[in-house]
C-alpha atoms as a PDB file:
ATOM      1  CA  MET A   1       0.000   0.000   0.000  1.00  0.00           C
ATOM      2  CA  THR A   2       1.205   3.461  -0.738  1.00  0.00           C
ATOM      3  CA  ALA A   3       1.074   6.443   1.549  1.00  0.00           C
ATOM      4  CA  PRO A   4      -1.733   8.888   0.857  1.00  0.00           C
ATOM      5  CA  GLU A   5      -0.678  11.911  -1.162  1.00  0.00           C
ATOM      6  CA  THR A   6      -0.599  15.248   0.585  1.00  0.00           C
ATOM      7  CA  VAL A   7      -2.474  18.269  -0.705  1.00  0.00           C
ATOM      8  CA  GLU A   8       0.804  19.874  -1.859  1.00  0.00           C
ATOM      9  CA  GLN A   9       1.739  16.854  -3.963  1.00  0.00           C
ATOM     10  CA  GLN A  10      -1.663  16.784  -5.617  1.00  0.00           C
ATOM     11  CA  GLN A  11      -1.532  20.481  -6.619  1.00  0.00           C
ATOM     12  CA  GLN A  12       1.928  20.424  -8.215  1.00  0.00           C
ATOM     13  CA  PRO A  13       1.779  20.476 -12.024  1.00  0.00           C
ATOM     14  CA  ALA A  14       3.520  17.823 -14.045  1.00  0.00           C
ATOM     15  CA  ALA A  15       7.058  18.632 -15.136  1.00  0.00           C
ATOM     16  CA  ALA A  16       7.208  20.665 -18.338  1.00  0.00           C
ATOM     17  CA  PRO A  17       8.690  18.854 -21.336  1.00  0.00           C
ATOM     18  CA  ARG A  18      12.339  19.616 -22.038  1.00  0.00           C
ATOM     19  CA  ALA A  19      12.967  22.164 -24.729  1.00  0.00           C
ATOM     20  CA  PRO A  20      14.916  20.749 -27.686  1.00  0.00           C
ATOM     21  CA  TRP A  21      18.536  21.722 -28.130  1.00  0.00           C
ATOM     22  CA  HIS A  22      18.788  24.885 -30.237  1.00  0.00           C
ATOM     23  CA  GLY A  23      21.793  23.535 -32.126  1.00  0.00           C
ATOM     24  CA  TRP A  24      19.694  20.983 -34.047  1.00  0.00           C
ATOM     25  CA  ASP A  25      18.616  23.659 -36.483  1.00  0.00           C
ATOM     26  CA  THR A  26      22.208  24.329 -37.489  1.00  0.00           C
ATOM     27  CA  VAL A  27      23.032  20.630 -37.664  1.00  0.00           C
ATOM     28  CA  ILE A  28      20.063  19.965 -39.962  1.00  0.00           C
ATOM     29  CA  ARG A  29      20.958  22.912 -42.214  1.00  0.00           C
ATOM     30  CA  VAL A  30      24.570  21.831 -42.576  1.00  0.00           C
ATOM     31  CA  ALA A  31      23.560  18.201 -43.165  1.00  0.00           C
ATOM     32  CA  GLY A  32      21.011  19.298 -45.770  1.00  0.00           C
ATOM     33  CA  VAL A  33      23.601  21.274 -47.717  1.00  0.00           C
ATOM     34  CA  VAL A  34      26.127  18.410 -47.473  1.00  0.00           C
ATOM     35  CA  VAL A  35      23.581  15.872 -48.753  1.00  0.00           C
ATOM     36  CA  ALA A  36      22.574  18.223 -51.588  1.00  0.00           C
ATOM     37  CA  VAL A  37      26.225  18.711 -52.594  1.00  0.00           C
ATOM     38  CA  ILE A  38      26.918  14.959 -52.533  1.00  0.00           C
ATOM     39  CA  ALA A  39      23.765  14.297 -54.570  1.00  0.00           C
ATOM     40  CA  THR A  40      24.875  16.961 -57.048  1.00  0.00           C
ATOM     41  CA  LEU A  41      28.275  15.335 -57.407  1.00  0.00           C
ATOM     42  CA  VAL A  42      26.800  11.868 -57.986  1.00  0.00           C
ATOM     43  CA  THR A  43      24.082  12.966 -60.410  1.00  0.00           C
ATOM     44  CA  ALA A  44      26.442  15.228 -62.389  1.00  0.00           C
ATOM     45  CA  VAL A  45      28.836  12.347 -63.034  1.00  0.00           C
ATOM     46  CA  PHE A  46      25.894  10.101 -63.948  1.00  0.00           C
ATOM     47  CA  GLU A  47      24.525  12.738 -66.338  1.00  0.00           C
ATOM     48  CA  LEU A  48      27.933  13.114 -67.986  1.00  0.00           C
ATOM     49  CA  GLU A  49      28.067   9.361 -68.526  1.00  0.00           C
ATOM     50  CA  LEU A  50      24.599   9.376 -70.094  1.00  0.00           C
ATOM     51  CA  THR A  51      25.557  11.999 -72.683  1.00  0.00           C
ATOM     52  CA  THR A  52      27.499   9.417 -74.711  1.00  0.00           C
ATOM     53  CA  LEU A  53      24.787   6.740 -74.672  1.00  0.00           C
ATOM     54  CA  ARG A  54      24.032   5.544 -78.196  1.00  0.00           C
ATOM     55  CA  SER A  55      21.261   3.456 -79.700  1.00  0.00           C
ATOM     56  CA  GLY A  56      23.506   0.463 -80.286  1.00  0.00           C
ATOM     57  CA  GLY A  57      24.397   0.293 -76.601  1.00  0.00           C
ATOM     58  CA  VAL A  58      21.532  -1.996 -75.643  1.00  0.00           C
ATOM     59  CA  SER A  59      22.334  -4.585 -78.290  1.00  0.00           C
ATOM     60  CA  ALA A  60      26.025  -4.386 -77.414  1.00  0.00           C
ATOM     61  CA  LEU A  61      25.138  -4.951 -73.767  1.00  0.00           C
ATOM     62  CA  MET A  62      23.124  -8.054 -74.743  1.00  0.00           C
ATOM     63  CA  ASN A  63      26.191  -9.397 -76.572  1.00  0.00           C
ATOM     64  CA  GLY A  64      28.348  -8.934 -73.489  1.00  0.00           C
ATOM     65  CA  GLU A  65      30.105  -5.819 -74.740  1.00  0.00           C
ATOM     66  CA  SER A  66      30.357  -2.407 -73.124  1.00  0.00           C
ATOM     67  CA  LEU A  67      27.300  -0.196 -73.181  1.00  0.00           C
ATOM     68  CA  TRP A  68      29.417   2.829 -74.155  1.00  0.00           C
ATOM     69  CA  THR A  69      31.464   1.457 -77.107  1.00  0.00           C
ATOM     70  CA  SER A  70      28.646   0.849 -79.551  1.00  0.00           C
ATOM     71  CA  GLY A  71      27.579   2.920 -82.536  1.00  0.00           C
ATOM     72  CA  GLY A  72      24.299   4.410 -83.614  1.00  0.00           C
ATOM     73  CA  PHE A  73      22.656   7.717 -82.871  1.00  0.00           C
ATOM     74  CA  LEU A  74      22.819   9.541 -79.541  1.00  0.00           C
ATOM     75  CA  ILE A  75      19.968   8.909 -77.109  1.00  0.00           C
ATOM     76  CA  PRO A  76      19.066  12.138 -75.277  1.00  0.00           C
ATOM     77  CA  ILE A  77      18.199  10.516 -71.934  1.00  0.00           C
ATOM     78  CA  ALA A  78      20.701  12.758 -70.099  1.00  0.00           C
ATOM     79  CA  ILE A  79      18.569  15.834 -70.770  1.00  0.00           C
ATOM     80  CA  PRO A  80      15.439  14.863 -68.774  1.00  0.00           C
ATOM     81  CA  VAL A  81      17.628  13.232 -66.112  1.00  0.00           C
ATOM     82  CA  ALA A  82      19.552  16.504 -65.654  1.00  0.00           C
ATOM     83  CA  ILE A  83      16.372  18.573 -65.472  1.00  0.00           C
ATOM     84  CA  GLY A  84      14.650  16.248 -63.020  1.00  0.00           C
ATOM     85  CA  ALA A  85      17.669  15.638 -60.807  1.00  0.00           C
ATOM     86  CA  ASN A  86      18.570  19.316 -60.589  1.00  0.00           C
ATOM     87  CA  LEU A  87      15.013  20.338 -59.724  1.00  0.00           C
ATOM     88  CA  VAL A  88      14.826  17.680 -57.003  1.00  0.00           C
ATOM     89  CA  ILE A  89      18.209  18.678 -55.561  1.00  0.00           C
ATOM     90  CA  ALA A  90      17.209  22.365 -55.567  1.00  0.00           C
ATOM     91  CA  TRP A  91      13.911  21.580 -53.845  1.00  0.00           C
ATOM     92  CA  PHE A  92      15.646  19.353 -51.292  1.00  0.00           C
ATOM     93  CA  ALA A  93      18.326  21.911 -50.421  1.00  0.00           C
ATOM     94  CA  VAL A  94      15.852  24.749 -49.915  1.00  0.00           C
ATOM     95  CA  THR A  95      13.241  22.663 -48.111  1.00  0.00           C
ATOM     96  CA  VAL A  96      15.565  20.930 -45.654  1.00  0.00           C
ATOM     97  CA  THR A  97      17.551  24.021 -44.741  1.00  0.00           C
ATOM     98  CA  GLY A  98      14.658  26.446 -44.822  1.00  0.00           C
ATOM     99  CA  ARG A  99      16.961  28.958 -46.476  1.00  0.00           C
ATOM    100  CA  ARG A 100      16.990  30.149 -50.068  1.00  0.00           C
ATOM    101  CA  TRP A 101      20.778  30.465 -50.170  1.00  0.00           C
ATOM    102  CA  ALA A 102      21.040  26.665 -49.949  1.00  0.00           C
ATOM    103  CA  LEU A 103      20.304  26.525 -53.684  1.00  0.00           C
ATOM    104  CA  GLY A 104      23.675  28.157 -54.422  1.00  0.00           C
ATOM    105  CA  PRO A 105      26.202  25.433 -53.486  1.00  0.00           C
ATOM    106  CA  PRO A 106      24.615  22.626 -55.565  1.00  0.00           C
ATOM    107  CA  TRP A 107      24.049  24.951 -58.515  1.00  0.00           C
ATOM    108  CA  ALA A 108      27.626  26.246 -58.419  1.00  0.00           C
ATOM    109  CA  LEU A 109      29.092  22.746 -58.044  1.00  0.00           C
ATOM    110  CA  TRP A 110      27.019  21.353 -60.920  1.00  0.00           C
ATOM    111  CA  THR A 111      28.026  24.243 -63.168  1.00  0.00           C
ATOM    112  CA  LEU A 112      31.708  23.881 -62.282  1.00  0.00           C
ATOM    113  CA  ILE A 113      31.622  20.140 -62.967  1.00  0.00           C
ATOM    114  CA  MET A 114      30.040  20.717 -66.379  1.00  0.00           C
ATOM    115  CA  LEU A 115      32.503  23.473 -67.269  1.00  0.00           C
ATOM    116  CA  ALA A 116      35.417  21.310 -66.167  1.00  0.00           C
ATOM    117  CA  ALA A 117      34.151  18.374 -68.236  1.00  0.00           C
ATOM    118  CA  ALA A 118      33.641  20.579 -71.294  1.00  0.00           C
ATOM    119  CA  GLY A 119      37.106  22.088 -71.049  1.00  0.00           C
ATOM    120  CA  THR A 120      39.180  19.048 -70.053  1.00  0.00           C
ATOM    121  CA  ARG A 121      41.204  17.040 -72.531  1.00  0.00           C
ATOM    122  CA  THR A 122      42.101  13.391 -72.222  1.00  0.00           C
ATOM    123  CA  ALA A 123      45.658  12.093 -72.609  1.00  0.00           C
ATOM    124  CA  GLU A 124      44.924  11.551 -76.308  1.00  0.00           C
ATOM    125  CA  GLY A 125      43.885  15.200 -76.740  1.00  0.00           C
ATOM    126  CA  ASP A 126      40.117  14.621 -76.925  1.00  0.00           C
ATOM    127  CA  TYR A 127      37.636  16.681 -74.917  1.00  0.00           C
ATOM    128  CA  LEU A 128      35.515  14.849 -72.342  1.00  0.00           C
ATOM    129  CA  LEU A 129      32.468  16.622 -73.772  1.00  0.00           C
ATOM    130  CA  SER A 130      33.021  17.376 -77.400  1.00  0.00           C
ATOM    131  CA  GLY A 131      31.370  20.190 -79.310  1.00  0.00           C
ATOM    132  CA  ASP A 132      29.693  17.747 -81.691  1.00  0.00           C
ATOM    133  CA  ASN A 133      27.815  15.945 -78.877  1.00  0.00           C
ATOM    134  CA  TRP A 134      24.520  17.801 -79.050  1.00  0.00           C
ATOM    135  CA  VAL A 135      23.110  15.850 -76.084  1.00  0.00           C
ATOM    136  CA  ALA A 136      25.899  17.118 -73.809  1.00  0.00           C
ATOM    137  CA  LEU A 137      25.446  20.711 -74.945  1.00  0.00           C
ATOM    138  CA  VAL A 138      21.668  20.643 -74.479  1.00  0.00           C
ATOM    139  CA  MET A 139      22.074  18.841 -71.141  1.00  0.00           C
ATOM    140  CA  ILE A 140      24.385  21.593 -69.843  1.00  0.00           C
ATOM    141  CA  LEU A 141      21.949  24.275 -70.986  1.00  0.00           C
ATOM    142  CA  THR A 142      18.792  22.663 -69.607  1.00  0.00           C
ATOM    143  CA  GLY A 143      20.430  21.473 -66.400  1.00  0.00           C
ATOM    144  CA  SER A 144      21.547  24.984 -65.539  1.00  0.00           C
ATOM    145  CA  LEU A 145      18.171  26.373 -66.591  1.00  0.00           C
ATOM    146  CA  ALA A 146      16.480  23.967 -64.165  1.00  0.00           C
ATOM    147  CA  TYR A 147      18.324  25.627 -61.279  1.00  0.00           C
ATOM    148  CA  ALA A 148      17.618  29.073 -62.728  1.00  0.00           C
ATOM    149  CA  VAL A 149      13.885  28.384 -63.101  1.00  0.00           C
ATOM    150  CA  TYR A 150      13.680  27.070 -59.540  1.00  0.00           C
ATOM    151  CA  SER A 151      15.507  30.168 -58.314  1.00  0.00           C
ATOM    152  CA  TYR A 152      13.201  32.446 -60.299  1.00  0.00           C
ATOM    153  CA  ARG A 153      10.133  30.712 -58.876  1.00  0.00           C
ATOM    154  CA  MET A 154      11.495  31.297 -55.372  1.00  0.00           C
ATOM    155  CA  ILE A 155      11.936  34.984 -56.148  1.00  0.00           C
ATOM    156  CA  LEU A 156       8.299  35.250 -57.218  1.00  0.00           C
ATOM    157  CA  LYS A 157       7.022  33.468 -54.105  1.00  0.00           C
ATOM    158  CA  PRO A 158       6.748  35.768 -51.075  1.00  0.00           C
ATOM    159  CA  VAL A 159       8.632  34.862 -47.918  1.00  0.00           C
ATOM    160  CA  ALA A 160       6.328  33.617 -45.171  1.00  0.00           C
ATOM    161  CA  ALA A 161       6.771  35.422 -41.862  1.00  0.00           C
ATOM    162  CA  LYS A 162       7.666  33.135 -38.966  1.00  0.00           C
ATOM    163  CA  PRO A 163       6.168  33.875 -35.545  1.00  0.00           C
ATOM    164  CA  THR A 164       8.677  34.460 -32.763  1.00  0.00           C
ATOM    165  CA  ASP A 165       8.537  33.162 -29.202  1.00  0.00           C
ATOM    166  CA  SER A 166       6.912  36.391 -27.969  1.00  0.00           C
ATOM    167  CA  GLY A 167       3.992  35.946 -30.316  1.00  0.00           C
ATOM    168  CA  LEU A 168       5.028  38.732 -32.675  1.00  0.00           C
ATOM    169  CA  SER A 169       5.462  37.931 -36.342  1.00  0.00           C
ATOM    170  CA  GLY A 170       8.238  39.108 -38.602  1.00  0.00           C
ATOM    171  CA  SER A 171      11.886  39.643 -37.908  1.00  0.00           C
ATOM    172  CA  LEU A 172      13.886  42.457 -36.396  1.00  0.00           C
END
């Protein structure tokens, strides 16, 4: 049997829940930017690989040969992949961090990777992305435009005011 509770014990309110650590916001923002940058790096390399995909690649793959050494016409699959991946990365970076500036690092990294690939020569003297590969040129254009369109849409959308702890809205 337990002892009867006193009047003082009955009137005490339950303990208030602990406030979360204020540093989580910074940790989530940094992690969001890091994940967006890593995703940009991976998808950019994948998009560059897709720019050389040709129609004979599937039949060569069925014969046990490399997918990239076959002939035929270029398949423009890299273009929609670049548009979709860049839009998703832009959305992810801005949504997770809650800051519009988070769009900048993935956009800058993607652009630098594409410029480096377009201006780099192999040991044989060939460019990684040649000027006669129309898929690569259109992919670079549309991939960068995907980031630009997302940025423009953010500019048109008004910033929502966040209420502060004192109940006032807006920022000082």
